[in-house]
Amino acid sequence: MTDERLEQAIAETKAKLVILDPIQTYIGSDVDMHRANEIRFVLKRLGIIAEKYGCAIVLIGHMNKASGSKSTYRGLGSIDIQATVRSVLLVAKIPDKPNIRIMAQDKSVLRRQEIPLDLKYQKTEDLSVSVHMT
């Protein structure tokens, strides 16, 4: 994300949505994800690109295995990833319901906190996944 390829791809395709999954893969080897000053620079650049092209950029991050701590502190890398973005959605498993995930807003600077949603998914015969909100 520190070179011009992402911006070039957005400009060429006129993309309105870009999903980087997981963000750790796209940060680049020259950026230390655990250093706030380095990660803020990358995220600021993404914000400038998103605004310039009218493109939403969704970052998907994974959490570490630690338990008992707040979700905000369980993301891999600097806390500045969560601190810098406008919205954080958390998707979590429900232990006794293997096909159900809960999605909740962990942070939002744009609007009030919403009611969590239950998401039920199932694999179909063609190996796609259908998702239903319950």
C-alpha atoms as a PDB file:
ATOM      1  CA  MET A   1       0.000   0.000   0.000  1.00  0.00           C
ATOM      2  CA  THR A   2       3.003   2.268   0.050  1.00  0.00           C
ATOM      3  CA  ASP A   3       3.518   2.180  -3.708  1.00  0.00           C
ATOM      4  CA  GLU A   4       1.300   3.418  -6.529  1.00  0.00           C
ATOM      5  CA  ARG A   5      -0.287   0.106  -7.601  1.00  0.00           C
ATOM      6  CA  LEU A   6      -3.456   0.354  -5.505  1.00  0.00           C
ATOM      7  CA  GLU A   7      -4.209   3.900  -6.631  1.00  0.00           C
ATOM      8  CA  GLN A   8      -3.439   2.978 -10.230  1.00  0.00           C
ATOM      9  CA  ALA A   9      -5.805  -0.028 -10.080  1.00  0.00           C
ATOM     10  CA  ILE A  10      -8.614   2.092  -8.600  1.00  0.00           C
ATOM     11  CA  ALA A  11      -8.111   4.790 -11.242  1.00  0.00           C
ATOM     12  CA  GLU A  12      -8.030   2.304 -14.131  1.00  0.00           C
ATOM     13  CA  THR A  13     -11.037   0.255 -13.028  1.00  0.00           C
ATOM     14  CA  LYS A  14     -13.048   3.135 -11.533  1.00  0.00           C
ATOM     15  CA  ALA A  15     -13.652   0.859  -8.541  1.00  0.00           C
ATOM     16  CA  LYS A  16     -16.181   2.070  -6.000  1.00  0.00           C
ATOM     17  CA  LEU A  17     -15.312  -0.597  -3.418  1.00  0.00           C
ATOM     18  CA  VAL A  18     -11.954  -2.159  -2.563  1.00  0.00           C
ATOM     19  CA  ILE A  19     -11.631  -4.883   0.068  1.00  0.00           C
ATOM     20  CA  LEU A  20      -8.179  -5.666   1.465  1.00  0.00           C
ATOM     21  CA  ASP A  21      -8.316  -9.055   3.218  1.00  0.00           C
ATOM     22  CA  PRO A  22      -6.422  -9.325   5.433  1.00  0.00           C
ATOM     23  CA  ILE A  23      -4.912  -5.890   5.812  1.00  0.00           C
ATOM     24  CA  GLN A  24      -1.714  -7.466   7.157  1.00  0.00           C
ATOM     25  CA  THR A  25      -0.989  -8.907   3.702  1.00  0.00           C
ATOM     26  CA  TYR A  26      -1.173  -5.521   1.984  1.00  0.00           C
ATOM     27  CA  ILE A  27       0.705  -3.315   4.459  1.00  0.00           C
ATOM     28  CA  GLY A  28       4.094  -4.053   2.906  1.00  0.00           C
ATOM     29  CA  SER A  29       7.367  -5.297   4.302  1.00  0.00           C
ATOM     30  CA  ASP A  30       8.727  -1.766   4.692  1.00  0.00           C
ATOM     31  CA  VAL A  31       6.046  -0.836   7.269  1.00  0.00           C
ATOM     32  CA  ASP A  32       6.077  -2.028  10.886  1.00  0.00           C
ATOM     33  CA  MET A  33       2.405  -2.676  11.719  1.00  0.00           C
ATOM     34  CA  HIS A  34       3.130  -2.235  15.424  1.00  0.00           C
ATOM     35  CA  ARG A  35       4.457   1.328  15.074  1.00  0.00           C
ATOM     36  CA  ALA A  36       1.720   3.952  15.214  1.00  0.00           C
ATOM     37  CA  ASN A  37       3.590   6.548  13.163  1.00  0.00           C
ATOM     38  CA  GLU A  38       4.156   4.081  10.311  1.00  0.00           C
ATOM     39  CA  ILE A  39       0.628   2.653  10.195  1.00  0.00           C
ATOM     40  CA  ARG A  40      -0.985   6.114  10.423  1.00  0.00           C
ATOM     41  CA  PHE A  41       0.953   7.210   7.334  1.00  0.00           C
ATOM     42  CA  VAL A  42      -0.355   4.216   5.358  1.00  0.00           C
ATOM     43  CA  LEU A  43      -3.950   4.684   6.537  1.00  0.00           C
ATOM     44  CA  LYS A  44      -3.860   8.412   5.806  1.00  0.00           C
ATOM     45  CA  ARG A  45      -2.705   7.644   2.277  1.00  0.00           C
ATOM     46  CA  LEU A  46      -5.583   5.157   1.858  1.00  0.00           C
ATOM     47  CA  GLY A  47      -8.022   7.818   3.035  1.00  0.00           C
ATOM     48  CA  ILE A  48      -6.694  10.310   0.494  1.00  0.00           C
ATOM     49  CA  ILE A  49      -7.010   7.740  -2.310  1.00  0.00           C
ATOM     50  CA  ALA A  50     -10.553   6.805  -1.232  1.00  0.00           C
ATOM     51  CA  GLU A  51     -11.651  10.434  -1.194  1.00  0.00           C
ATOM     52  CA  LYS A  52      -9.916  11.288  -4.480  1.00  0.00           C
ATOM     53  CA  TYR A  53     -11.687   8.491  -6.393  1.00  0.00           C
ATOM     54  CA  GLY A  54     -14.952   8.263  -4.418  1.00  0.00           C
ATOM     55  CA  CYS A  55     -14.082   4.694  -3.488  1.00  0.00           C
ATOM     56  CA  ALA A  56     -14.851   2.926  -0.216  1.00  0.00           C
ATOM     57  CA  ILE A  57     -11.902   0.938   1.113  1.00  0.00           C
ATOM     58  CA  VAL A  58     -12.738  -1.885   3.512  1.00  0.00           C
ATOM     59  CA  LEU A  59      -9.905  -3.287   5.599  1.00  0.00           C
ATOM     60  CA  ILE A  60     -10.366  -6.758   7.022  1.00  0.00           C
ATOM     61  CA  GLY A  61      -8.167  -7.523   9.990  1.00  0.00           C
ATOM     62  CA  HIS A  62      -7.778 -10.604  12.086  1.00  0.00           C
ATOM     63  CA  MET A  63      -7.622 -10.761  15.855  1.00  0.00           C
ATOM     64  CA  ASN A  64      -4.987 -12.398  17.977  1.00  0.00           C
ATOM     65  CA  LYS A  65      -5.854 -15.429  20.099  1.00  0.00           C
ATOM     66  CA  ALA A  66      -5.750 -13.575  23.437  1.00  0.00           C
ATOM     67  CA  SER A  67      -8.941 -13.882  25.421  1.00  0.00           C
ATOM     68  CA  GLY A  68     -10.424 -11.703  28.087  1.00  0.00           C
ATOM     69  CA  SER A  69      -9.298  -8.393  26.613  1.00  0.00           C
ATOM     70  CA  LYS A  70     -11.370  -5.824  24.731  1.00  0.00           C
ATOM     71  CA  SER A  71     -11.767  -6.463  21.014  1.00  0.00           C
ATOM     72  CA  THR A  72     -10.142  -3.099  20.295  1.00  0.00           C
ATOM     73  CA  TYR A  73      -6.859  -4.395  21.713  1.00  0.00           C
ATOM     74  CA  ARG A  74      -7.000  -7.813  20.033  1.00  0.00           C
ATOM     75  CA  GLY A  75      -6.443  -6.657  16.467  1.00  0.00           C
ATOM     76  CA  LEU A  76      -3.101  -7.606  14.964  1.00  0.00           C
ATOM     77  CA  GLY A  77      -0.780  -4.628  14.647  1.00  0.00           C
ATOM     78  CA  SER A  78      -0.956  -1.126  16.061  1.00  0.00           C
ATOM     79  CA  ILE A  79      -4.017   0.087  17.960  1.00  0.00           C
ATOM     80  CA  ASP A  80      -3.855   2.996  15.508  1.00  0.00           C
ATOM     81  CA  ILE A  81      -5.533   0.849  12.869  1.00  0.00           C
ATOM     82  CA  GLN A  82      -8.724   0.900  14.952  1.00  0.00           C
ATOM     83  CA  ALA A  83      -8.105   4.452  16.168  1.00  0.00           C
ATOM     84  CA  THR A  84      -7.737   5.922  12.672  1.00  0.00           C
ATOM     85  CA  VAL A  85     -10.626   4.339  10.780  1.00  0.00           C
ATOM     86  CA  ARG A  86     -14.176   5.705  10.885  1.00  0.00           C
ATOM     87  CA  SER A  87     -15.960   2.455  11.582  1.00  0.00           C
ATOM     88  CA  VAL A  88     -15.053  -0.952  12.991  1.00  0.00           C
ATOM     89  CA  LEU A  89     -17.364  -3.944  12.633  1.00  0.00           C
ATOM     90  CA  LEU A  90     -16.661  -7.050  14.656  1.00  0.00           C
ATOM     91  CA  VAL A  91     -17.715 -10.495  13.434  1.00  0.00           C
ATOM     92  CA  ALA A  92     -17.519 -13.272  16.015  1.00  0.00           C
ATOM     93  CA  LYS A  93     -18.459 -16.929  16.316  1.00  0.00           C
ATOM     94  CA  ILE A  94     -21.132 -18.214  18.650  1.00  0.00           C
ATOM     95  CA  PRO A  95     -19.585 -21.310  20.284  1.00  0.00           C
ATOM     96  CA  ASP A  96     -22.657 -23.566  20.345  1.00  0.00           C
ATOM     97  CA  LYS A  97     -23.985 -22.507  16.903  1.00  0.00           C
ATOM     98  CA  PRO A  98     -21.367 -23.268  14.225  1.00  0.00           C
ATOM     99  CA  ASN A  99     -23.287 -21.624  11.347  1.00  0.00           C
ATOM    100  CA  ILE A 100     -24.075 -18.399  13.188  1.00  0.00           C
ATOM    101  CA  ARG A 101     -21.884 -15.319  13.447  1.00  0.00           C
ATOM    102  CA  ILE A 102     -22.734 -12.105  15.199  1.00  0.00           C
ATOM    103  CA  MET A 103     -21.776  -8.775  13.662  1.00  0.00           C
ATOM    104  CA  ALA A 104     -21.636  -5.732  15.891  1.00  0.00           C
ATOM    105  CA  GLN A 105     -20.381  -2.210  15.486  1.00  0.00           C
ATOM    106  CA  ASP A 106     -17.297  -1.855  17.690  1.00  0.00           C
ATOM    107  CA  LYS A 107     -16.625   1.764  16.718  1.00  0.00           C
ATOM    108  CA  SER A 108     -18.350   4.427  14.659  1.00  0.00           C
ATOM    109  CA  VAL A 109     -17.516   8.100  14.385  1.00  0.00           C
ATOM    110  CA  LEU A 110     -20.251   8.683  11.825  1.00  0.00           C
ATOM    111  CA  ARG A 111     -23.407   7.479  13.568  1.00  0.00           C
ATOM    112  CA  ARG A 112     -24.792   5.983  16.732  1.00  0.00           C
ATOM    113  CA  GLN A 113     -24.112   2.416  17.790  1.00  0.00           C
ATOM    114  CA  GLU A 114     -26.450  -0.024  16.096  1.00  0.00           C
ATOM    115  CA  ILE A 115     -28.097  -3.204  17.346  1.00  0.00           C
ATOM    116  CA  PRO A 116     -25.919  -6.287  16.647  1.00  0.00           C
ATOM    117  CA  LEU A 117     -26.993  -8.563  13.785  1.00  0.00           C
ATOM    118  CA  ASP A 118     -26.974 -12.352  13.720  1.00  0.00           C
ATOM    119  CA  LEU A 119     -25.693 -13.758  10.443  1.00  0.00           C
ATOM    120  CA  LYS A 120     -26.466 -17.341   9.445  1.00  0.00           C
ATOM    121  CA  TYR A 121     -24.468 -18.800   6.598  1.00  0.00           C
ATOM    122  CA  GLN A 122     -24.565 -22.081   4.764  1.00  0.00           C
ATOM    123  CA  LYS A 123     -22.607 -23.581   1.909  1.00  0.00           C
ATOM    124  CA  THR A 124     -24.646 -24.375  -1.178  1.00  0.00           C
ATOM    125  CA  GLU A 125     -24.197 -27.205  -3.682  1.00  0.00           C
ATOM    126  CA  ASP A 126     -22.081 -25.039  -5.992  1.00  0.00           C
ATOM    127  CA  LEU A 127     -19.750 -24.281  -3.027  1.00  0.00           C
ATOM    128  CA  SER A 128     -20.890 -20.679  -2.751  1.00  0.00           C
ATOM    129  CA  VAL A 129     -21.981 -19.329   0.605  1.00  0.00           C
ATOM    130  CA  SER A 130     -25.360 -17.777   1.271  1.00  0.00           C
ATOM    131  CA  VAL A 131     -25.707 -15.386   4.188  1.00  0.00           C
ATOM    132  CA  HIS A 132     -28.986 -14.528   5.910  1.00  0.00           C
ATOM    133  CA  MET A 133     -29.562 -11.944   8.609  1.00  0.00           C
ATOM    134  CA  THR A 134     -31.695 -13.227  11.448  1.00  0.00           C
END
